[in-house]
Protein backbone atom coordinates (compact mmCIF):
# COMPACT_ATOMS: atom_id res chain seq x y z
CA MET A 1 111.84 91.38 95.88
CA LYS A 2 111.72 92.94 99.39
CA ILE A 3 109.78 95.87 100.45
CA LYS A 4 109.83 98.00 103.72
CA TYR A 5 106.44 98.85 105.31
CA LYS A 6 106.19 101.30 108.31
CA ASP A 7 103.17 101.92 110.34
CA GLN A 8 102.45 102.90 114.03
CA TYR A 9 103.60 99.48 115.28
CA GLY A 10 107.02 99.47 113.61
CA THR A 11 108.83 98.58 110.55
CA GLU A 12 108.48 95.41 108.50
CA ILE A 13 110.72 93.83 105.87
CA LEU A 14 108.63 91.65 103.62
CA ASP A 15 109.04 89.24 100.76
CA VAL A 16 107.03 90.13 97.74
CA PHE A 17 105.58 87.26 95.58
CA GLY A 18 103.13 89.20 93.36
CA ILE A 19 102.95 92.61 91.77
CA TYR A 20 99.85 93.82 89.96
CA TRP A 21 98.89 97.10 88.28
CA GLY A 22 96.09 98.64 86.52
CA VAL A 23 93.94 101.64 86.17
CA ARG A 24 91.11 102.42 88.61
CA GLU A 25 87.74 102.26 86.75
CA GLY A 26 85.48 104.00 89.26
CA GLY A 27 85.11 106.19 92.25
CA THR A 28 86.94 109.41 93.01
CA LYS A 29 90.11 108.11 91.60
CA LYS A 30 88.83 106.95 88.25
CA GLY A 31 91.65 106.85 85.75
CA GLU A 32 94.50 106.81 88.36
CA ALA A 33 97.22 104.10 87.87
CA PHE A 34 97.89 101.85 90.63
CA THR A 35 100.53 99.15 91.64
CA TYR A 36 100.26 96.72 94.55
CA PHE A 37 102.38 94.16 95.95
CA TYR A 38 101.36 90.74 97.47
CA ALA A 39 103.73 90.42 100.32
CA LEU A 40 104.15 87.38 102.74
CA TYR A 41 103.13 88.31 106.15
CA GLY A 42 103.62 86.26 109.41
CA THR A 43 105.67 83.05 110.02
CA THR A 44 103.22 80.80 111.90
CA GLU A 45 99.88 82.11 110.55
CA VAL A 46 101.27 83.03 107.03
CA SER A 47 99.05 85.03 104.71
CA PHE A 48 99.50 87.51 101.94
CA MET A 49 98.79 91.08 102.52
CA VAL A 50 98.35 93.80 99.81
CA TYR A 51 100.51 96.81 100.09
CA ASP A 52 100.29 99.93 97.80
CA SER A 53 103.47 100.88 96.20
CA LYS A 54 102.99 104.45 97.32
CA GLU A 55 103.02 103.24 100.95
CA VAL A 56 106.17 101.06 100.98
CA GLU A 57 109.82 101.42 99.92
CA VAL A 58 111.25 98.90 97.73
CA ILE A 59 114.63 97.78 99.26
CA ASP A 60 115.47 94.95 96.86
CA PRO A 61 114.05 95.10 93.30
CA ARG A 62 115.28 91.71 92.22
CA LEU A 63 112.61 89.14 91.38
CA GLU A 64 114.10 85.98 92.67
CA GLY A 65 112.87 82.59 91.45
CA GLU A 66 110.70 81.95 88.35
CA TRP A 67 108.03 84.65 87.77
CA VAL A 68 105.20 84.64 85.15
CA TYR A 69 102.88 87.44 83.71
CA ASP A 70 99.11 86.92 84.21
CA GLY A 71 96.99 89.63 82.62
CA GLY A 72 93.45 90.51 82.26
CA VAL A 73 91.36 93.36 80.87
CA SER A 74 91.97 95.84 83.59
CA ILE A 75 94.59 94.30 85.92
CA ASN A 76 97.93 92.79 84.88
CA GLY A 77 100.60 91.32 87.10
CA MET A 78 103.81 89.38 87.57
CA PHE A 79 103.67 86.48 90.11
CA TYR A 80 105.91 83.81 91.53
CA ALA A 81 105.33 81.10 88.99
CA PRO A 82 104.01 78.35 91.24
CA LEU A 83 101.10 80.60 92.57
CA ILE A 84 99.94 80.70 88.95
CA GLN A 85 101.04 77.40 87.49
CA GLU A 86 99.58 75.46 90.44
CA GLN A 87 96.47 77.62 90.87
CA LEU A 88 97.35 78.61 94.37
CA LEU A 89 97.02 82.41 94.22
CA ASP A 90 93.37 82.74 95.09
CA ASP A 91 93.39 80.05 97.80
CA VAL A 92 96.57 81.63 99.39
CA ILE A 93 94.82 85.00 99.28
CA ASP A 94 91.92 83.33 100.99
CA ARG A 95 94.22 81.85 103.71
CA ASP A 96 93.55 78.19 102.78
CA PRO A 97 96.04 76.25 105.12
CA GLU A 98 96.80 73.60 102.50
CA ALA A 99 97.46 76.08 99.70
CA ILE A 100 99.74 78.21 102.00
CA LYS A 101 101.65 75.08 102.90
CA LYS A 102 102.06 74.04 99.32
CA PHE A 103 103.14 77.54 98.45
CA LEU A 104 105.70 77.64 101.31
CA GLN A 105 107.14 74.28 100.11
CA PHE A 106 107.78 75.63 96.68
CA ALA A 107 109.36 78.81 98.01
CA ILE A 108 111.44 77.02 100.36
CA LYS A 109 112.55 74.40 97.79
CA ASP A 110 113.45 77.38 95.41
CA GLY A 111 115.59 79.01 98.10
CA LEU A 112 113.42 82.07 98.50
CA LEU A 113 112.41 81.35 102.10
CA ASP A 114 114.23 80.06 105.33
CA ALA A 115 112.60 76.56 106.15
CA GLU A 116 113.54 77.07 109.77
CA LEU A 117 111.53 80.28 109.94
CA TYR A 118 108.38 78.78 108.53
CA LYS A 119 108.51 75.41 110.24
CA ASP A 120 105.48 76.15 112.38
CA ALA A 121 103.34 76.96 109.28
CA LEU A 122 104.40 73.64 107.62
């Protein structure tokens, strides 16, 4: 899946590796449904950024590779399988270099990312 994000600095086309949704439980938007995308940002200092579905355009809706559902009480999501199966999601979100490297290796092996583009992060 690919999304397009625009801000004051330009336009980015980003690869999505997680989608989660739920209903807000508090604050001024209590009861409002939300959908967020975990998208890969950067090629040398790689990290996941969270993007609100209301602030991006989905330009390729296909979920490439193997994805799995992971659900909880208030948040449910679909994620690129190695993030869940290898318990990498939290560490990648926290920008752990070893977890990011392992994630990139899975995504490159599965043909989802270009190895040449991410060589400095490996």
